[in-house]
Amino acid sequence: MLYFLIALVVIIIDQITKWLVLTNMELRESITIIENFLYITSHRNPGAAWGILAGQMTFFYIITAIVIVVIVYYIRKYAHESRLLGVGLGLILGGAIGNFIDRLAYQEVVDFIDVYFGSYSYPIFNLADSALVIGVIMIGIVVIKDEFGKDARKK
C-alpha cells in the first residue's frame, strides 16, 4: 500500500505544480530561479520525451494504460521483495499517471522545469518526468545489485 501512496503523492504534487503554471503563467513565460541554470518556463509538449511522436495521443493512451497495468502488477507481485524496487515502481506509476492526466485533459503535457548547463538547454520537463526518471534509476540499481549478488553467490 505504501507504494501506491507514493504514486498518489507524486500525482498530487505534479498536478498542483502544473495547475500553478497553467493559472499563473503565460505560455513561454519564464521565471528565473538561478540565473543561467534554472528557470520555470511555461511549456507544452504534444509528444513524449523531447517531443517525439508529437500528437500521437491514441498511441500514448494505449501505451500508458498498459504501463499502468504492468506497474500495478509488479508492485503487487514483487515490491515486497525490495523496498527500493517498490519505491521505484511507485514513482514510475505516479509519473505515468501524472502525465496521462495531462494528455487526457489537454492533449499535451504541461512542462515547466527549464535547466541549462552552460550553453546546453536541457529539454523542459515536469515533476512527473522527474519521478519517472528517478524510479527507473532505482529499478536499475535493484537489477544491478541482484546481478552482483548472483555473481557473489556463485563464488
C-alpha atoms as a PDB file:
ATOM      1  CA  MET A   1       0.000   0.000   0.000  1.00  0.00           C
ATOM      2  CA  LEU A   2       2.937   2.341   0.726  1.00  0.00           C
ATOM      3  CA  TYR A   3       3.985   2.256  -2.926  1.00  0.00           C
ATOM      4  CA  PHE A   4       0.522   3.273  -4.136  1.00  0.00           C
ATOM      5  CA  LEU A   5       0.628   6.117  -1.602  1.00  0.00           C
ATOM      6  CA  ILE A   6       3.970   7.240  -3.098  1.00  0.00           C
ATOM      7  CA  ALA A   7       2.333   7.241  -6.537  1.00  0.00           C
ATOM      8  CA  LEU A   8      -0.603   9.282  -5.196  1.00  0.00           C
ATOM      9  CA  VAL A   9       1.725  11.867  -3.622  1.00  0.00           C
ATOM     10  CA  VAL A  10       3.624  12.188  -6.925  1.00  0.00           C
ATOM     11  CA  ILE A  11       0.357  12.669  -8.823  1.00  0.00           C
ATOM     12  CA  ILE A  12      -0.939  15.302  -6.399  1.00  0.00           C
ATOM     13  CA  ILE A  13       2.292  17.333  -6.300  1.00  0.00           C
ATOM     14  CA  ASP A  14       2.711  17.020 -10.071  1.00  0.00           C
ATOM     15  CA  GLN A  15      -0.818  18.204 -10.795  1.00  0.00           C
ATOM     16  CA  ILE A  16      -0.656  21.079  -8.281  1.00  0.00           C
ATOM     17  CA  THR A  17       2.590  22.382  -9.785  1.00  0.00           C
ATOM     18  CA  LYS A  18       1.184  22.120 -13.309  1.00  0.00           C
ATOM     19  CA  TRP A  19      -2.001  23.889 -12.229  1.00  0.00           C
ATOM     20  CA  LEU A  20       0.094  26.700 -10.734  1.00  0.00           C
ATOM     21  CA  VAL A  21       1.945  27.098 -14.032  1.00  0.00           C
ATOM     22  CA  LEU A  22      -1.275  26.976 -16.074  1.00  0.00           C
ATOM     23  CA  THR A  23      -3.089  29.528 -13.925  1.00  0.00           C
ATOM     24  CA  ASN A  24      -0.239  31.938 -13.193  1.00  0.00           C
ATOM     25  CA  MET A  25       1.929  31.997 -16.311  1.00  0.00           C
ATOM     26  CA  GLU A  26       1.507  32.680 -19.999  1.00  0.00           C
ATOM     27  CA  LEU A  27       2.764  30.068 -22.440  1.00  0.00           C
ATOM     28  CA  ARG A  28       6.555  30.508 -22.932  1.00  0.00           C
ATOM     29  CA  GLU A  29       6.772  32.901 -19.972  1.00  0.00           C
ATOM     30  CA  SER A  30       9.893  32.255 -17.907  1.00  0.00           C
ATOM     31  CA  ILE A  31      10.822  32.994 -14.298  1.00  0.00           C
ATOM     32  CA  THR A  32      14.471  32.938 -13.255  1.00  0.00           C
ATOM     33  CA  ILE A  33      15.207  30.769 -10.220  1.00  0.00           C
ATOM     34  CA  ILE A  34      19.014  30.526 -10.586  1.00  0.00           C
ATOM     35  CA  GLU A  35      20.472  32.759 -13.330  1.00  0.00           C
ATOM     36  CA  ASN A  36      21.964  30.775 -16.253  1.00  0.00           C
ATOM     37  CA  PHE A  37      20.933  27.457 -14.673  1.00  0.00           C
ATOM     38  CA  LEU A  38      17.307  27.004 -13.517  1.00  0.00           C
ATOM     39  CA  TYR A  39      14.107  28.622 -14.753  1.00  0.00           C
ATOM     40  CA  ILE A  40      10.385  27.966 -14.510  1.00  0.00           C
ATOM     41  CA  THR A  41       9.202  28.180 -18.108  1.00  0.00           C
ATOM     42  CA  SER A  42       5.613  27.526 -19.176  1.00  0.00           C
ATOM     43  CA  HIS A  43       5.840  24.970 -21.979  1.00  0.00           C
ATOM     44  CA  ARG A  44       3.588  22.346 -23.590  1.00  0.00           C
ATOM     45  CA  ASN A  45       4.739  19.046 -25.058  1.00  0.00           C
ATOM     46  CA  PRO A  46       2.386  17.301 -27.504  1.00  0.00           C
ATOM     47  CA  GLY A  47       4.625  14.206 -27.562  1.00  0.00           C
ATOM     48  CA  ALA A  48       6.884  12.155 -25.324  1.00  0.00           C
ATOM     49  CA  ALA A  49      10.438  12.931 -24.208  1.00  0.00           C
ATOM     50  CA  TRP A  50      11.987  15.688 -26.338  1.00  0.00           C
ATOM     51  CA  GLY A  51       8.688  15.995 -28.222  1.00  0.00           C
ATOM     52  CA  ILE A  52       8.995  12.692 -30.091  1.00  0.00           C
ATOM     53  CA  LEU A  53       5.766  11.248 -31.519  1.00  0.00           C
ATOM     54  CA  ALA A  54       4.047  14.647 -31.179  1.00  0.00           C
ATOM     55  CA  GLY A  55       0.286  14.462 -31.488  1.00  0.00           C
ATOM     56  CA  GLN A  56       0.063  10.664 -31.258  1.00  0.00           C
ATOM     57  CA  MET A  57      -2.436  10.736 -28.375  1.00  0.00           C
ATOM     58  CA  THR A  58      -4.102   7.388 -29.121  1.00  0.00           C
ATOM     59  CA  PHE A  59      -0.685   5.727 -29.017  1.00  0.00           C
ATOM     60  CA  PHE A  60       0.117   7.406 -25.676  1.00  0.00           C
ATOM     61  CA  TYR A  61      -3.264   6.440 -24.196  1.00  0.00           C
ATOM     62  CA  ILE A  62      -2.739   2.786 -25.089  1.00  0.00           C
ATOM     63  CA  ILE A  63       0.919   2.601 -24.015  1.00  0.00           C
ATOM     64  CA  THR A  64       0.269   4.445 -20.747  1.00  0.00           C
ATOM     65  CA  ALA A  65      -2.685   2.198 -19.893  1.00  0.00           C
ATOM     66  CA  ILE A  66      -0.501  -0.861 -20.484  1.00  0.00           C
ATOM     67  CA  VAL A  67       2.356   0.603 -18.422  1.00  0.00           C
ATOM     68  CA  ILE A  68      -0.008   1.378 -15.532  1.00  0.00           C
ATOM     69  CA  VAL A  69      -1.403  -2.175 -15.521  1.00  0.00           C
ATOM     70  CA  VAL A  70       2.091  -3.687 -15.662  1.00  0.00           C
ATOM     71  CA  ILE A  71       3.430  -1.437 -12.880  1.00  0.00           C
ATOM     72  CA  VAL A  72       0.465  -2.214 -10.622  1.00  0.00           C
ATOM     73  CA  TYR A  73       1.048  -5.933 -11.272  1.00  0.00           C
ATOM     74  CA  TYR A  74       4.759  -5.617 -10.412  1.00  0.00           C
ATOM     75  CA  ILE A  75       4.005  -3.642  -7.251  1.00  0.00           C
ATOM     76  CA  ARG A  76       1.574  -6.307  -6.079  1.00  0.00           C
ATOM     77  CA  LYS A  77       3.797  -9.233  -7.062  1.00  0.00           C
ATOM     78  CA  TYR A  78       7.384  -8.081  -6.378  1.00  0.00           C
ATOM     79  CA  ALA A  79       7.523  -4.888  -4.299  1.00  0.00           C
ATOM     80  CA  HIS A  80       7.513  -6.840  -1.022  1.00  0.00           C
ATOM     81  CA  GLU A  81      10.905  -8.306  -2.023  1.00  0.00           C
ATOM     82  CA  SER A  82      12.673  -4.925  -2.122  1.00  0.00           C
ATOM     83  CA  ARG A  83      11.706  -1.550  -0.700  1.00  0.00           C
ATOM     84  CA  LEU A  84      13.898   0.141  -3.325  1.00  0.00           C
ATOM     85  CA  LEU A  85      12.041  -1.694  -6.091  1.00  0.00           C
ATOM     86  CA  GLY A  86       8.677  -0.783  -4.576  1.00  0.00           C
ATOM     87  CA  VAL A  87       9.545   2.906  -4.248  1.00  0.00           C
ATOM     88  CA  GLY A  88      10.899   2.959  -7.809  1.00  0.00           C
ATOM     89  CA  LEU A  89       7.714   1.356  -9.120  1.00  0.00           C
ATOM     90  CA  GLY A  90       5.581   3.789  -7.088  1.00  0.00           C
ATOM     91  CA  LEU A  91       7.464   6.746  -8.588  1.00  0.00           C
ATOM     92  CA  ILE A  92       7.039   5.377 -12.111  1.00  0.00           C
ATOM     93  CA  LEU A  93       3.334   4.767 -11.528  1.00  0.00           C
ATOM     94  CA  GLY A  94       2.806   8.294 -10.194  1.00  0.00           C
ATOM     95  CA  GLY A  95       4.788   9.874 -13.019  1.00  0.00           C
ATOM     96  CA  ALA A  96       2.985   7.890 -15.699  1.00  0.00           C
ATOM     97  CA  ILE A  97      -0.428   8.785 -14.298  1.00  0.00           C
ATOM     98  CA  GLY A  98       0.554  12.445 -13.818  1.00  0.00           C
ATOM     99  CA  ASN A  99       1.432  12.857 -17.492  1.00  0.00           C
ATOM    100  CA  PHE A 100      -1.541  10.699 -18.535  1.00  0.00           C
ATOM    101  CA  ILE A 101      -3.883  13.125 -16.783  1.00  0.00           C
ATOM    102  CA  ASP A 102      -2.381  15.974 -18.842  1.00  0.00           C
ATOM    103  CA  ARG A 103      -2.799  14.073 -22.086  1.00  0.00           C
ATOM    104  CA  LEU A 104      -6.437  13.339 -21.271  1.00  0.00           C
ATOM    105  CA  ALA A 105      -7.210  16.899 -20.144  1.00  0.00           C
ATOM    106  CA  TYR A 106      -5.141  18.961 -22.611  1.00  0.00           C
ATOM    107  CA  GLN A 107      -3.933  16.566 -25.359  1.00  0.00           C
ATOM    108  CA  GLU A 108      -0.402  17.612 -24.370  1.00  0.00           C
ATOM    109  CA  VAL A 109       1.821  17.580 -21.289  1.00  0.00           C
ATOM    110  CA  VAL A 110       2.489  20.681 -19.188  1.00  0.00           C
ATOM    111  CA  ASP A 111       6.247  21.114 -18.682  1.00  0.00           C
ATOM    112  CA  PHE A 112       7.979  23.875 -16.742  1.00  0.00           C
ATOM    113  CA  ILE A 113      11.378  22.902 -15.282  1.00  0.00           C
ATOM    114  CA  ASP A 114      13.949  24.512 -17.561  1.00  0.00           C
ATOM    115  CA  VAL A 115      17.620  23.696 -16.893  1.00  0.00           C
ATOM    116  CA  TYR A 116      20.766  24.999 -18.597  1.00  0.00           C
ATOM    117  CA  PHE A 117      24.290  23.580 -18.392  1.00  0.00           C
ATOM    118  CA  GLY A 118      26.469  26.301 -19.878  1.00  0.00           C
ATOM    119  CA  SER A 119      25.169  26.792 -23.413  1.00  0.00           C
ATOM    120  CA  TYR A 120      23.236  23.492 -23.373  1.00  0.00           C
ATOM    121  CA  SER A 121      19.498  23.801 -22.766  1.00  0.00           C
ATOM    122  CA  TYR A 122      18.095  20.549 -21.395  1.00  0.00           C
ATOM    123  CA  PRO A 123      14.561  19.803 -22.703  1.00  0.00           C
ATOM    124  CA  ILE A 124      11.938  21.333 -20.408  1.00  0.00           C
ATOM    125  CA  PHE A 125      10.313  18.749 -18.119  1.00  0.00           C
ATOM    126  CA  ASN A 126       7.971  18.413 -15.124  1.00  0.00           C
ATOM    127  CA  LEU A 127       7.778  16.623 -11.777  1.00  0.00           C
ATOM    128  CA  ALA A 128       6.100  13.541 -13.272  1.00  0.00           C
ATOM    129  CA  ASP A 129       9.050  13.200 -15.652  1.00  0.00           C
ATOM    130  CA  SER A 130      11.441  13.517 -12.695  1.00  0.00           C
ATOM    131  CA  ALA A 131       9.575  10.796 -10.798  1.00  0.00           C
ATOM    132  CA  LEU A 132       9.741   8.518 -13.848  1.00  0.00           C
ATOM    133  CA  VAL A 133      13.497   9.004 -14.259  1.00  0.00           C
ATOM    134  CA  ILE A 134      14.250   8.552 -10.551  1.00  0.00           C
ATOM    135  CA  GLY A 135      12.035   5.439 -10.477  1.00  0.00           C
ATOM    136  CA  VAL A 136      13.838   3.909 -13.452  1.00  0.00           C
ATOM    137  CA  ILE A 137      17.225   4.649 -11.844  1.00  0.00           C
ATOM    138  CA  MET A 138      16.076   2.960  -8.613  1.00  0.00           C
ATOM    139  CA  ILE A 139      14.930  -0.117 -10.501  1.00  0.00           C
ATOM    140  CA  GLY A 140      18.244  -0.132 -12.369  1.00  0.00           C
ATOM    141  CA  ILE A 141      20.065  -0.143  -9.019  1.00  0.00           C
ATOM    142  CA  VAL A 142      17.954  -3.091  -7.853  1.00  0.00           C
ATOM    143  CA  VAL A 143      18.746  -5.019 -11.043  1.00  0.00           C
ATOM    144  CA  ILE A 144      22.482  -4.282 -10.767  1.00  0.00           C
ATOM    145  CA  LYS A 145      22.529  -5.251  -7.080  1.00  0.00           C
ATOM    146  CA  ASP A 146      20.734  -8.500  -7.890  1.00  0.00           C
ATOM    147  CA  GLU A 147      23.208  -9.313 -10.668  1.00  0.00           C
ATOM    148  CA  PHE A 148      26.224  -8.599  -8.446  1.00  0.00           C
ATOM    149  CA  GLY A 149      24.582 -10.654  -5.693  1.00  0.00           C
ATOM    150  CA  LYS A 150      24.209 -13.611  -8.057  1.00  0.00           C
ATOM    151  CA  ASP A 151      27.870 -13.359  -9.021  1.00  0.00           C
ATOM    152  CA  ALA A 152      28.939 -13.250  -5.361  1.00  0.00           C
ATOM    153  CA  ARG A 153      26.809 -16.328  -4.505  1.00  0.00           C
ATOM    154  CA  LYS A 154      28.417 -18.293  -7.378  1.00  0.00           C
ATOM    155  CA  LYS A 155      31.913 -17.857  -5.894  1.00  0.00           C
END
